[in-house]
Amino acid sequence: KALEVIPGAEKGVFLSFDPENDAL
């Protein structure tokens, strides 16, 4: 959806917090 909404956005990443490893 981010690539659909933002003109020119060609690629991307999504990171979320992993509580088991205490890291993104």
PDB file of all heavy atoms in Angstrom:
ATOM      1  N   LYS A   1       0.835  -1.204   0.000  1.00  0.00           N
ATOM      2  CA  LYS A   1       0.000   0.000   0.000  1.00  0.00           C
ATOM      3  C   LYS A   1       0.871   1.256   0.000  1.00  0.00           C
ATOM      4  O   LYS A   1       0.548   2.249  -0.670  1.00  0.00           O
ATOM      5  CB  LYS A   1      -0.938   0.002   1.206  1.00  0.00           C
ATOM      6  CG  LYS A   1      -1.913   1.153   1.245  1.00  0.00           C
ATOM      7  CD  LYS A   1      -2.843   1.192   0.046  1.00  0.00           C
ATOM      8  CE  LYS A   1      -3.916   0.152   0.132  1.00  0.00           C
ATOM      9  NZ  LYS A   1      -4.916   0.257  -0.966  1.00  0.00           N
ATOM     10  N   ALA A   2       1.983   1.241   0.720  1.00  0.00           N
ATOM     11  CA  ALA A   2       2.894   2.395   0.740  1.00  0.00           C
ATOM     12  C   ALA A   2       3.428   2.687  -0.659  1.00  0.00           C
ATOM     13  O   ALA A   2       3.482   3.847  -1.098  1.00  0.00           O
ATOM     14  CB  ALA A   2       4.051   2.143   1.705  1.00  0.00           C
ATOM     15  N   LEU A   3       3.786   1.632  -1.411  1.00  0.00           N
ATOM     16  CA  LEU A   3       4.285   1.830  -2.762  1.00  0.00           C
ATOM     17  C   LEU A   3       3.182   2.299  -3.711  1.00  0.00           C
ATOM     18  O   LEU A   3       3.452   2.980  -4.691  1.00  0.00           O
ATOM     19  CB  LEU A   3       4.930   0.545  -3.292  1.00  0.00           C
ATOM     20  CG  LEU A   3       6.439   0.425  -3.037  1.00  0.00           C
ATOM     21  CD1 LEU A   3       6.771   0.409  -1.565  1.00  0.00           C
ATOM     22  CD2 LEU A   3       7.006  -0.810  -3.714  1.00  0.00           C
ATOM     23  N   GLU A   4       1.938   1.960  -3.376  1.00  0.00           N
ATOM     24  CA  GLU A   4       0.794   2.377  -4.180  1.00  0.00           C
ATOM     25  C   GLU A   4       0.445   3.854  -3.923  1.00  0.00           C
ATOM     26  O   GLU A   4       0.101   4.587  -4.838  1.00  0.00           O
ATOM     27  CB  GLU A   4      -0.399   1.494  -3.799  1.00  0.00           C
ATOM     28  CG  GLU A   4      -1.605   1.597  -4.690  1.00  0.00           C
ATOM     29  CD  GLU A   4      -2.683   0.613  -4.243  1.00  0.00           C
ATOM     30  OE1 GLU A   4      -2.366  -0.565  -4.001  1.00  0.00           O
ATOM     31  OE2 GLU A   4      -3.837   1.051  -4.123  1.00  0.00           O
ATOM     32  N   VAL A   5       0.560   4.273  -2.665  1.00  0.00           N
ATOM     33  CA  VAL A   5       0.153   5.621  -2.267  1.00  0.00           C
ATOM     34  C   VAL A   5       1.218   6.674  -2.605  1.00  0.00           C
ATOM     35  O   VAL A   5       0.881   7.817  -2.889  1.00  0.00           O
ATOM     36  CB  VAL A   5      -0.165   5.649  -0.746  1.00  0.00           C
ATOM     37  CG1 VAL A   5      -0.321   7.066  -0.227  1.00  0.00           C
ATOM     38  CG2 VAL A   5      -1.421   4.847  -0.454  1.00  0.00           C
ATOM     39  N   ILE A   6       2.494   6.287  -2.573  1.00  0.00           N
ATOM     40  CA  ILE A   6       3.575   7.262  -2.728  1.00  0.00           C
ATOM     41  C   ILE A   6       4.168   7.179  -4.129  1.00  0.00           C
ATOM     42  O   ILE A   6       4.820   6.193  -4.476  1.00  0.00           O
ATOM     43  CB  ILE A   6       4.663   7.030  -1.658  1.00  0.00           C
ATOM     44  CG1 ILE A   6       4.041   7.192  -0.271  1.00  0.00           C
ATOM     45  CG2 ILE A   6       5.818   7.989  -1.854  1.00  0.00           C
ATOM     46  CD1 ILE A   6       4.905   6.723   0.860  1.00  0.00           C
ATOM     47  N   PRO A   7       3.962   8.218  -4.962  1.00  0.00           N
ATOM     48  CA  PRO A   7       4.520   8.209  -6.321  1.00  0.00           C
ATOM     49  C   PRO A   7       6.050   8.119  -6.270  1.00  0.00           C
ATOM     50  O   PRO A   7       6.687   8.762  -5.449  1.00  0.00           O
ATOM     51  CB  PRO A   7       4.086   9.558  -6.904  1.00  0.00           C
ATOM     52  CG  PRO A   7       3.002  10.047  -6.021  1.00  0.00           C
ATOM     53  CD  PRO A   7       3.235   9.443  -4.675  1.00  0.00           C
ATOM     54  N   GLY A   8       6.588   7.327  -7.115  1.00  0.00           N
ATOM     55  CA  GLY A   8       8.046   7.203  -7.172  1.00  0.00           C
ATOM     56  C   GLY A   8       8.620   6.162  -6.243  1.00  0.00           C
ATOM     57  O   GLY A   8       9.791   5.812  -6.356  1.00  0.00           O
ATOM     58  N   ALA A   9       7.842   5.653  -5.299  1.00  0.00           N
ATOM     59  CA  ALA A   9       8.350   4.608  -4.401  1.00  0.00           C
ATOM     60  C   ALA A   9       8.438   3.306  -5.190  1.00  0.00           C
ATOM     61  O   ALA A   9       7.437   2.786  -5.646  1.00  0.00           O
ATOM     62  CB  ALA A   9       7.441   4.450  -3.190  1.00  0.00           C
ATOM     63  N   GLU A  10       9.658   2.822  -5.375  1.00  0.00           N
ATOM     64  CA  GLU A  10       9.887   1.647  -6.220  1.00  0.00           C
ATOM     65  C   GLU A  10      10.152   0.383  -5.413  1.00  0.00           C
ATOM     66  O   GLU A  10       9.932  -0.716  -5.904  1.00  0.00           O
ATOM     67  CB  GLU A  10      11.090   1.906  -7.133  1.00  0.00           C
ATOM     68  CG  GLU A  10      10.895   3.100  -8.065  1.00  0.00           C
ATOM     69  CD  GLU A  10      12.181   3.508  -8.764  1.00  0.00           C
ATOM     70  OE1 GLU A  10      13.277   3.078  -8.325  1.00  0.00           O
ATOM     71  OE2 GLU A  10      12.082   4.275  -9.734  1.00  0.00           O
ATOM     72  N   LYS A  11      10.653   0.544  -4.201  1.00  0.00           N
ATOM     73  CA  LYS A  11      10.999  -0.612  -3.372  1.00  0.00           C
ATOM     74  C   LYS A  11      10.933  -0.195  -1.912  1.00  0.00           C
ATOM     75  O   LYS A  11      10.835   1.001  -1.596  1.00  0.00           O
ATOM     76  CB  LYS A  11      12.389  -1.128  -3.729  1.00  0.00           C
ATOM     77  CG  LYS A  11      13.489  -0.083  -3.645  1.00  0.00           C
ATOM     78  CD  LYS A  11      14.781  -0.626  -4.217  1.00  0.00           C
ATOM     79  CE  LYS A  11      15.859   0.460  -4.209  1.00  0.00           C
ATOM     80  NZ  LYS A  11      17.118  -0.025  -4.764  1.00  0.00           N
ATOM     81  N   GLY A  12      10.976  -1.187  -1.026  1.00  0.00           N
ATOM     82  CA  GLY A  12      10.908  -0.833   0.380  1.00  0.00           C
ATOM     83  C   GLY A  12      11.058  -2.029   1.294  1.00  0.00           C
ATOM     84  O   GLY A  12      11.121  -3.175   0.835  1.00  0.00           O
ATOM     85  N   VAL A  13      11.117  -1.740   2.589  1.00  0.00           N
ATOM     86  CA  VAL A  13      11.204  -2.780   3.609  1.00  0.00           C
ATOM     87  C   VAL A  13      10.305  -2.420   4.781  1.00  0.00           C
ATOM     88  O   VAL A  13       9.991  -1.248   5.010  1.00  0.00           O
ATOM     89  CB  VAL A  13      12.648  -3.003   4.134  1.00  0.00           C
ATOM     90  CG1 VAL A  13      13.538  -3.581   3.056  1.00  0.00           C
ATOM     91  CG2 VAL A  13      13.228  -1.724   4.695  1.00  0.00           C
ATOM     92  N   PHE A  14       9.881  -3.468   5.491  1.00  0.00           N
ATOM     93  CA  PHE A  14       9.074  -3.302   6.691  1.00  0.00           C
ATOM     94  C   PHE A  14       9.711  -4.157   7.770  1.00  0.00           C
ATOM     95  O   PHE A  14       9.842  -5.362   7.619  1.00  0.00           O
ATOM     96  CB  PHE A  14       7.638  -3.765   6.422  1.00  0.00           C
ATOM     97  CG  PHE A  14       6.650  -3.382   7.489  1.00  0.00           C
ATOM     98  CD1 PHE A  14       5.573  -2.574   7.190  1.00  0.00           C
ATOM     99  CD2 PHE A  14       6.792  -3.849   8.788  1.00  0.00           C
ATOM    100  CE1 PHE A  14       4.642  -2.228   8.163  1.00  0.00           C
ATOM    101  CE2 PHE A  14       5.875  -3.504   9.773  1.00  0.00           C
ATOM    102  CZ  PHE A  14       4.798  -2.690   9.452  1.00  0.00           C
ATOM    103  N   LEU A  15      10.128  -3.525   8.856  1.00  0.00           N
ATOM    104  CA  LEU A  15      10.715  -4.243   9.982  1.00  0.00           C
ATOM    105  C   LEU A  15       9.866  -3.998  11.218  1.00  0.00           C
ATOM    106  O   LEU A  15       9.380  -2.881  11.426  1.00  0.00           O
ATOM    107  CB  LEU A  15      12.142  -3.750  10.264  1.00  0.00           C
ATOM    108  CG  LEU A  15      13.143  -3.888   9.109  1.00  0.00           C
ATOM    109  CD1 LEU A  15      13.318  -2.548   8.424  1.00  0.00           C
ATOM    110  CD2 LEU A  15      14.478  -4.404   9.603  1.00  0.00           C
ATOM    111  N   SER A  16       9.665  -5.041  12.016  1.00  0.00           N
ATOM    112  CA  SER A  16       8.958  -4.846  13.279  1.00  0.00           C
ATOM    113  C   SER A  16       9.733  -5.531  14.404  1.00  0.00           C
ATOM    114  O   SER A  16      10.563  -6.414  14.173  1.00  0.00           O
ATOM    115  CB  SER A  16       7.528  -5.384  13.209  1.00  0.00           C
ATOM    116  OG  SER A  16       7.507  -6.782  13.188  1.00  0.00           O
ATOM    117  N   PHE A  17       9.455  -5.084  15.609  1.00  0.00           N
ATOM    118  CA  PHE A  17      10.176  -5.566  16.780  1.00  0.00           C
ATOM    119  C   PHE A  17       9.843  -7.024  17.060  1.00  0.00           C
ATOM    120  O   PHE A  17       8.681  -7.423  17.083  1.00  0.00           O
ATOM    121  CB  PHE A  17       9.821  -4.704  17.983  1.00  0.00           C
ATOM    122  CG  PHE A  17      10.594  -5.045  19.218  1.00  0.00           C
ATOM    123  CD1 PHE A  17      11.947  -4.745  19.306  1.00  0.00           C
ATOM    124  CD2 PHE A  17       9.987  -5.660  20.286  1.00  0.00           C
ATOM    125  CE1 PHE A  17      12.666  -5.062  20.446  1.00  0.00           C
ATOM    126  CE2 PHE A  17      10.688  -5.985  21.435  1.00  0.00           C
ATOM    127  CZ  PHE A  17      12.040  -5.680  21.512  1.00  0.00           C
ATOM    128  N   ASP A  18      10.871  -7.818  17.238  1.00  0.00           N
ATOM    129  CA  ASP A  18      10.714  -9.238  17.583  1.00  0.00           C
ATOM    130  C   ASP A  18      11.059  -9.407  19.063  1.00  0.00           C
ATOM    131  O   ASP A  18      12.233  -9.323  19.438  1.00  0.00           O
ATOM    132  CB  ASP A  18      11.655 -10.082  16.715  1.00  0.00           C
ATOM    133  CG  ASP A  18      11.527 -11.571  17.004  1.00  0.00           C
ATOM    134  OD1 ASP A  18      10.744 -11.937  17.908  1.00  0.00           O
ATOM    135  OD2 ASP A  18      12.202 -12.363  16.329  1.00  0.00           O
ATOM    136  N   PRO A  19      10.050  -9.608  19.924  1.00  0.00           N
ATOM    137  CA  PRO A  19      10.327  -9.681  21.366  1.00  0.00           C
ATOM    138  C   PRO A  19      11.214 -10.855  21.766  1.00  0.00           C
ATOM    139  O   PRO A  19      11.922 -10.789  22.758  1.00  0.00           O
ATOM    140  CB  PRO A  19       8.932  -9.807  22.000  1.00  0.00           C
ATOM    141  CG  PRO A  19       8.020 -10.209  20.897  1.00  0.00           C
ATOM    142  CD  PRO A  19       8.631  -9.744  19.618  1.00  0.00           C
ATOM    143  N   GLU A  20      11.200 -11.929  20.981  1.00  0.00           N
ATOM    144  CA  GLU A  20      12.026 -13.100  21.319  1.00  0.00           C
ATOM    145  C   GLU A  20      13.509 -12.793  21.189  1.00  0.00           C
ATOM    146  O   GLU A  20      14.323 -13.271  21.962  1.00  0.00           O
ATOM    147  CB  GLU A  20      11.650 -14.290  20.431  1.00  0.00           C
ATOM    148  CG  GLU A  20      10.284 -14.861  20.756  1.00  0.00           C
ATOM    149  CD  GLU A  20       9.969 -16.080  19.914  1.00  0.00           C
ATOM    150  OE1 GLU A  20      10.899 -16.623  19.271  1.00  0.00           O
ATOM    151  OE2 GLU A  20       8.796 -16.490  19.899  1.00  0.00           O
ATOM    152  N   ASN A  21      13.871 -11.992  20.168  1.00  0.00           N
ATOM    153  CA  ASN A  21      15.280 -11.664  19.944  1.00  0.00           C
ATOM    154  C   ASN A  21      15.636 -10.257  20.416  1.00  0.00           C
ATOM    155  O   ASN A  21      16.793  -9.844  20.299  1.00  0.00           O
ATOM    156  CB  ASN A  21      15.623 -11.793  18.452  1.00  0.00           C
ATOM    157  CG  ASN A  21      15.427 -13.203  17.955  1.00  0.00           C
ATOM    158  OD1 ASN A  21      15.781 -14.158  18.647  1.00  0.00           O
ATOM    159  ND2 ASN A  21      14.853 -13.352  16.780  1.00  0.00           N
ATOM    160  N   ASP A  22      14.640  -9.496  20.896  1.00  0.00           N
ATOM    161  CA  ASP A  22      14.855  -8.130  21.354  1.00  0.00           C
ATOM    162  C   ASP A  22      15.536  -7.280  20.276  1.00  0.00           C
ATOM    163  O   ASP A  22      16.499  -6.566  20.535  1.00  0.00           O
ATOM    164  CB  ASP A  22      15.703  -8.129  22.646  1.00  0.00           C
ATOM    165  CG  ASP A  22      15.620  -6.783  23.354  1.00  0.00           C
ATOM    166  OD1 ASP A  22      14.590  -6.106  23.226  1.00  0.00           O
ATOM    167  OD2 ASP A  22      16.604  -6.412  24.023  1.00  0.00           O
ATOM    168  N   ALA A  23      15.029  -7.409  19.035  1.00  0.00           N
ATOM    169  CA  ALA A  23      15.616  -6.673  17.917  1.00  0.00           C
ATOM    170  C   ALA A  23      14.579  -6.499  16.813  1.00  0.00           C
ATOM    171  O   ALA A  23      13.528  -7.158  16.820  1.00  0.00           O
ATOM    172  CB  ALA A  23      16.823  -7.439  17.373  1.00  0.00           C
ATOM    173  N   LEU A  24      14.883  -5.610  15.866  1.00  0.00           N
ATOM    174  CA  LEU A  24      14.007  -5.446  14.713  1.00  0.00           C
ATOM    175  C   LEU A  24      14.225  -6.609  13.754  1.00  0.00           C
ATOM    176  O   LEU A  24      15.361  -7.006  13.494  1.00  0.00           O
ATOM    177  CB  LEU A  24      14.311  -4.121  13.998  1.00  0.00           C
ATOM    178  CG  LEU A  24      13.852  -2.847  14.703  1.00  0.00           C
ATOM    179  CD1 LEU A  24      14.384  -1.625  13.966  1.00  0.00           C
ATOM    180  CD2 LEU A  24      12.340  -2.780  14.791  1.00  0.00           C
TER     181      LEU A  24
END
